[in-house]
Structures are given as structure tokens and as C-alpha cells.
N, C-alpha and C. Protein backbone atom coordinates (compact mmCIF):
# COMPACT_ATOMS: atom_id res chain seq x y z
N MET A 1 -7.93 -40.06 -33.56
CA MET A 1 -8.56 -39.24 -32.55
C MET A 1 -7.62 -39.10 -31.35
N LYS A 2 -7.49 -37.87 -30.83
CA LYS A 2 -6.60 -37.60 -29.71
C LYS A 2 -7.25 -38.05 -28.41
N ASN A 3 -6.39 -38.37 -27.48
CA ASN A 3 -6.86 -38.73 -26.15
C ASN A 3 -7.21 -37.44 -25.40
N THR A 4 -8.45 -37.23 -25.10
CA THR A 4 -8.90 -36.01 -24.43
C THR A 4 -9.15 -36.23 -22.94
N LYS A 5 -8.68 -37.35 -22.46
CA LYS A 5 -8.87 -37.65 -21.05
C LYS A 5 -8.12 -36.61 -20.20
N ALA A 6 -8.82 -35.95 -19.33
CA ALA A 6 -8.22 -34.90 -18.51
C ALA A 6 -7.29 -35.53 -17.47
N LEU A 7 -6.16 -34.87 -17.27
CA LEU A 7 -5.24 -35.34 -16.25
C LEU A 7 -5.73 -34.90 -14.89
N LYS A 8 -5.79 -35.83 -13.95
CA LYS A 8 -6.23 -35.49 -12.60
C LYS A 8 -5.01 -35.12 -11.77
N ARG A 9 -5.12 -34.04 -11.09
CA ARG A 9 -4.05 -33.58 -10.22
C ARG A 9 -4.17 -34.31 -8.88
N GLN A 10 -3.05 -34.76 -8.38
CA GLN A 10 -3.05 -35.41 -7.07
C GLN A 10 -2.87 -34.36 -5.99
N TYR A 11 -3.69 -34.44 -4.99
CA TYR A 11 -3.62 -33.49 -3.88
C TYR A 11 -3.05 -34.19 -2.66
N THR A 12 -2.24 -33.47 -1.94
CA THR A 12 -1.66 -33.98 -0.71
C THR A 12 -2.17 -33.14 0.43
N ASN A 13 -2.77 -33.81 1.40
CA ASN A 13 -3.21 -33.09 2.59
C ASN A 13 -2.03 -32.95 3.52
N ARG A 14 -1.67 -31.71 3.81
CA ARG A 14 -0.54 -31.45 4.68
C ARG A 14 -1.03 -30.81 5.97
N SER A 15 -0.33 -31.10 7.04
CA SER A 15 -0.67 -30.50 8.33
C SER A 15 -0.14 -29.08 8.38
N GLU A 16 -0.58 -28.35 9.38
CA GLU A 16 -0.10 -26.97 9.55
C GLU A 16 1.41 -26.95 9.78
N SER A 17 1.91 -27.90 10.55
CA SER A 17 3.35 -27.93 10.81
C SER A 17 4.14 -28.24 9.53
N GLU A 18 3.58 -29.09 8.65
CA GLU A 18 4.25 -29.35 7.37
C GLU A 18 4.29 -28.09 6.52
N TRP A 19 3.16 -27.34 6.50
CA TRP A 19 3.13 -26.09 5.73
C TRP A 19 4.10 -25.07 6.30
N ARG A 20 4.20 -25.01 7.61
CA ARG A 20 5.13 -24.06 8.23
C ARG A 20 6.57 -24.39 7.81
N SER A 21 6.88 -25.68 7.79
CA SER A 21 8.22 -26.10 7.37
C SER A 21 8.47 -25.74 5.90
N ILE A 22 7.46 -25.92 5.07
CA ILE A 22 7.58 -25.58 3.64
C ILE A 22 7.81 -24.09 3.48
N VAL A 23 7.03 -23.29 4.18
CA VAL A 23 7.15 -21.83 4.08
C VAL A 23 8.52 -21.39 4.60
N ASP A 24 8.98 -21.99 5.69
CA ASP A 24 10.31 -21.66 6.22
C ASP A 24 11.41 -22.04 5.23
N ASP A 25 11.25 -23.19 4.57
CA ASP A 25 12.22 -23.60 3.55
C ASP A 25 12.27 -22.60 2.40
N TYR A 26 11.10 -22.10 2.02
CA TYR A 26 11.07 -21.10 0.94
C TYR A 26 11.83 -19.84 1.34
N LYS A 27 11.65 -19.41 2.59
CA LYS A 27 12.30 -18.18 3.06
C LYS A 27 13.82 -18.26 2.93
N THR A 28 14.37 -19.45 3.07
CA THR A 28 15.82 -19.60 2.99
C THR A 28 16.30 -19.97 1.59
N SER A 29 15.36 -20.19 0.67
CA SER A 29 15.75 -20.56 -0.69
C SER A 29 16.01 -19.31 -1.53
N THR A 30 16.61 -19.51 -2.67
CA THR A 30 16.86 -18.40 -3.60
C THR A 30 15.91 -18.47 -4.78
N LEU A 31 14.93 -19.35 -4.71
CA LEU A 31 13.99 -19.55 -5.81
C LEU A 31 12.84 -18.56 -5.74
N THR A 32 12.21 -18.31 -6.89
CA THR A 32 10.98 -17.53 -6.89
C THR A 32 9.88 -18.43 -6.33
N GLN A 33 8.75 -17.84 -5.99
CA GLN A 33 7.65 -18.64 -5.46
C GLN A 33 7.21 -19.70 -6.47
N LYS A 34 7.12 -19.30 -7.72
CA LYS A 34 6.69 -20.23 -8.76
C LYS A 34 7.68 -21.38 -8.90
N GLU A 35 8.98 -21.08 -8.95
CA GLU A 35 10.00 -22.11 -9.07
C GLU A 35 9.98 -23.06 -7.87
N PHE A 36 9.84 -22.48 -6.68
CA PHE A 36 9.83 -23.28 -5.45
C PHE A 36 8.64 -24.24 -5.46
N CYS A 37 7.46 -23.73 -5.83
CA CYS A 37 6.26 -24.57 -5.84
C CYS A 37 6.37 -25.68 -6.89
N GLU A 38 6.89 -25.35 -8.06
CA GLU A 38 7.05 -26.37 -9.11
C GLU A 38 8.04 -27.44 -8.65
N LYS A 39 9.13 -27.03 -8.04
CA LYS A 39 10.16 -27.97 -7.59
C LYS A 39 9.61 -28.93 -6.54
N HIS A 40 8.73 -28.44 -5.66
CA HIS A 40 8.20 -29.26 -4.57
C HIS A 40 6.82 -29.84 -4.86
N GLY A 41 6.29 -29.59 -6.05
CA GLY A 41 4.99 -30.14 -6.41
C GLY A 41 3.85 -29.56 -5.58
N ILE A 42 3.93 -28.27 -5.34
CA ILE A 42 2.94 -27.58 -4.51
C ILE A 42 2.14 -26.63 -5.39
N ALA A 43 0.83 -26.60 -5.17
CA ALA A 43 0.00 -25.61 -5.87
C ALA A 43 0.32 -24.23 -5.32
N ILE A 44 0.57 -23.29 -6.20
CA ILE A 44 0.96 -21.95 -5.75
C ILE A 44 -0.16 -21.28 -4.96
N SER A 45 -1.41 -21.61 -5.28
CA SER A 45 -2.53 -21.02 -4.52
C SER A 45 -2.51 -21.48 -3.07
N GLY A 46 -2.21 -22.75 -2.84
CA GLY A 46 -2.10 -23.26 -1.47
C GLY A 46 -0.93 -22.64 -0.73
N PHE A 47 0.17 -22.49 -1.45
CA PHE A 47 1.36 -21.87 -0.87
C PHE A 47 1.06 -20.44 -0.44
N HIS A 48 0.39 -19.68 -1.29
CA HIS A 48 0.03 -18.29 -0.96
C HIS A 48 -0.90 -18.25 0.25
N HIS A 49 -1.86 -19.16 0.27
CA HIS A 49 -2.82 -19.22 1.40
C HIS A 49 -2.07 -19.40 2.72
N TRP A 50 -1.17 -20.37 2.77
CA TRP A 50 -0.48 -20.66 4.01
C TRP A 50 0.53 -19.59 4.39
N ARG A 51 1.20 -18.98 3.42
CA ARG A 51 2.12 -17.87 3.74
C ARG A 51 1.35 -16.71 4.38
N LYS A 52 0.21 -16.39 3.78
CA LYS A 52 -0.63 -15.30 4.29
C LYS A 52 -1.13 -15.64 5.69
N ARG A 53 -1.54 -16.86 5.88
CA ARG A 53 -2.06 -17.29 7.18
C ARG A 53 -0.99 -17.18 8.27
N PHE A 54 0.24 -17.58 7.96
CA PHE A 54 1.31 -17.50 8.95
C PHE A 54 1.72 -16.05 9.21
N ARG A 55 1.67 -15.21 8.20
CA ARG A 55 1.99 -13.78 8.40
C ARG A 55 0.98 -13.13 9.33
N LYS A 56 -0.30 -13.45 9.14
CA LYS A 56 -1.34 -12.86 10.00
C LYS A 56 -1.25 -13.38 11.42
N ALA A 57 -0.82 -14.62 11.58
CA ALA A 57 -0.76 -15.24 12.90
C ALA A 57 0.37 -14.70 13.76
N SER A 58 1.40 -14.13 13.14
CA SER A 58 2.54 -13.69 13.94
C SER A 58 2.99 -12.28 13.61
N PRO A 59 2.10 -11.28 13.81
CA PRO A 59 2.54 -9.91 13.55
C PRO A 59 3.59 -9.44 14.54
N SER A 60 3.69 -10.12 15.70
CA SER A 60 4.67 -9.69 16.71
C SER A 60 6.09 -10.05 16.30
N SER A 61 6.25 -10.82 15.24
CA SER A 61 7.61 -11.17 14.81
C SER A 61 8.30 -9.99 14.14
N ILE A 62 7.56 -8.94 13.84
CA ILE A 62 8.15 -7.76 13.24
C ILE A 62 8.63 -6.85 14.38
N PRO A 63 9.93 -6.55 14.42
CA PRO A 63 10.41 -5.73 15.52
C PRO A 63 9.86 -4.31 15.43
N PRO A 64 9.58 -3.69 16.57
CA PRO A 64 9.08 -2.31 16.54
C PRO A 64 10.12 -1.38 15.95
N GLN A 65 9.66 -0.36 15.27
CA GLN A 65 10.56 0.56 14.59
C GLN A 65 10.62 1.89 15.33
N PHE A 66 11.02 1.85 16.58
CA PHE A 66 11.16 3.06 17.38
C PHE A 66 12.63 3.41 17.51
N ILE A 67 12.91 4.68 17.56
CA ILE A 67 14.27 5.11 17.82
C ILE A 67 14.24 6.09 18.98
N GLU A 68 15.29 6.07 19.75
CA GLU A 68 15.37 7.01 20.88
C GLU A 68 15.94 8.32 20.37
N ILE A 69 15.33 9.42 20.76
CA ILE A 69 15.79 10.74 20.38
C ILE A 69 16.39 11.38 21.62
N PRO A 70 17.71 11.47 21.67
CA PRO A 70 18.33 12.06 22.86
C PRO A 70 18.04 13.55 22.93
N SER A 71 17.91 14.03 24.15
CA SER A 71 17.64 15.44 24.37
C SER A 71 18.94 16.23 24.38
N THR A 72 18.93 17.35 23.67
CA THR A 72 20.09 18.25 23.71
C THR A 72 19.67 19.57 24.34
N ASP A 73 18.52 19.55 25.00
CA ASP A 73 17.96 20.76 25.59
C ASP A 73 18.59 20.99 26.97
N ASP A 74 19.24 22.12 27.18
CA ASP A 74 19.83 22.45 28.48
C ASP A 74 18.76 22.70 29.53
N ARG A 75 17.52 22.93 29.08
CA ARG A 75 16.44 23.23 30.01
C ARG A 75 15.76 21.97 30.52
N LEU A 76 16.30 20.78 30.26
CA LEU A 76 15.62 19.53 30.59
C LEU A 76 15.18 19.45 32.06
N PRO A 77 16.02 19.78 33.04
CA PRO A 77 15.53 19.72 34.43
C PRO A 77 14.31 20.61 34.66
N ALA A 78 14.29 21.80 34.05
CA ALA A 78 13.15 22.69 34.21
C ALA A 78 11.91 22.08 33.55
N VAL A 79 12.09 21.45 32.41
CA VAL A 79 10.96 20.81 31.72
C VAL A 79 10.43 19.67 32.56
N GLN A 80 11.34 18.88 33.19
CA GLN A 80 10.89 17.78 34.03
C GLN A 80 10.12 18.30 35.24
N ALA A 81 10.55 19.40 35.80
CA ALA A 81 9.83 19.97 36.94
C ALA A 81 8.43 20.38 36.53
N GLU A 82 8.29 20.97 35.35
CA GLU A 82 6.96 21.35 34.86
C GLU A 82 6.11 20.11 34.62
N ALA A 83 6.72 19.04 34.11
CA ALA A 83 5.97 17.82 33.81
C ALA A 83 5.40 17.23 35.09
N ASN A 84 6.13 17.34 36.17
CA ASN A 84 5.63 16.83 37.44
C ASN A 84 4.41 17.60 37.92
N GLN A 85 4.19 18.77 37.36
CA GLN A 85 3.01 19.56 37.70
C GLN A 85 1.90 19.30 36.68
N THR A 86 1.95 18.15 35.99
CA THR A 86 0.97 17.71 35.00
C THR A 86 0.83 18.68 33.84
N GLN A 87 1.90 19.27 33.46
CA GLN A 87 1.92 20.05 32.23
C GLN A 87 2.55 19.18 31.16
N TRP A 88 1.98 19.21 30.00
CA TRP A 88 2.43 18.34 28.93
C TRP A 88 3.42 19.06 28.04
N ASP A 89 4.46 18.34 27.62
CA ASP A 89 5.45 18.89 26.71
C ASP A 89 4.91 18.96 25.29
N VAL A 90 4.10 17.97 24.94
CA VAL A 90 3.49 17.94 23.61
C VAL A 90 2.05 17.50 23.77
N GLU A 91 1.17 18.21 23.11
CA GLU A 91 -0.24 17.83 23.11
C GLU A 91 -0.72 17.89 21.67
N LEU A 92 -1.25 16.76 21.19
CA LEU A 92 -1.65 16.65 19.80
C LEU A 92 -3.12 16.24 19.73
N GLU A 93 -3.93 17.07 19.09
CA GLU A 93 -5.34 16.73 18.91
C GLU A 93 -5.50 15.93 17.63
N LEU A 94 -6.13 14.77 17.77
CA LEU A 94 -6.35 13.86 16.65
C LEU A 94 -7.83 13.81 16.32
N PRO A 95 -8.18 13.24 15.18
CA PRO A 95 -9.60 13.12 14.82
C PRO A 95 -10.37 12.33 15.87
N GLN A 96 -11.64 12.51 15.89
CA GLN A 96 -12.59 11.84 16.79
C GLN A 96 -12.31 12.15 18.25
N ASN A 97 -11.88 13.36 18.52
CA ASN A 97 -11.67 13.87 19.88
C ASN A 97 -10.62 13.10 20.68
N PHE A 98 -9.65 12.50 20.01
CA PHE A 98 -8.54 11.86 20.71
C PHE A 98 -7.44 12.91 20.91
N ILE A 99 -6.85 12.86 22.09
CA ILE A 99 -5.76 13.78 22.40
C ILE A 99 -4.57 12.94 22.87
N LEU A 100 -3.43 13.15 22.23
CA LEU A 100 -2.21 12.48 22.60
C LEU A 100 -1.37 13.47 23.38
N ARG A 101 -1.03 13.12 24.61
CA ARG A 101 -0.23 13.99 25.46
C ARG A 101 1.07 13.28 25.80
N ILE A 102 2.18 13.99 25.64
CA ILE A 102 3.50 13.42 25.90
C ILE A 102 4.22 14.29 26.91
N ARG A 103 4.77 13.63 27.89
CA ARG A 103 5.52 14.32 28.93
C ARG A 103 6.93 13.76 28.95
N VAL A 104 7.94 14.60 29.12
CA VAL A 104 9.32 14.15 29.21
C VAL A 104 9.49 13.46 30.54
N ALA A 105 10.03 12.26 30.49
CA ALA A 105 10.19 11.48 31.74
C ALA A 105 11.50 11.77 32.40
């Protein structure tokens, strides 16, 4: 008769700072998530939970994706004079009665 005794998995309670260190180590590794978790004896479900939690906690770590568009318009001084009279260079009507107004500074 075979031994049918189920193997019990050992769980390690880790602090948030320990998880942050683990997630940071993964970011610098060349391993897949599965390989990394197997190598460190971590449940992949816990690893996913903490990665997601840290991503949600720090959305400001993503740099804004704005680019400056230089003006090539020779009429710029005239446009600025009009803007000072509260005329908008661009006016965009959005859903739910929102209006986006842009003035050249």
C-alpha cells in the first residue's frame, strides 16, 4: 500500500518590507516569475498579490508621458494678445458637459 499522507506546505509569514525586497530582487533578475518563486520557495500566488499591491501603491513612480510641442507659428504674439482677452486657442467639448479650454501661454 502506498503512503497517501499529504505533504504539508510550510508557510512563512513575511513583512511588507521583506516582500518589497523580494519584488525588487525579482525586477533585477533574469528569471521568469515561476522560476524566481521556485528558486526562493515562494508561492506564486503570494508573489502576484504583493507585486500588484506595490504597483497600486505607487502609481506616481511612472513618469508622465508629456512632450513639449514647440510653436512654429509666426502669429504667436498676436495669439497671445488674444488669449489675454480670454479667448481660447482650443476649445474641446467632452461628454457629460465638460469643456476643455486651452490658451497659449
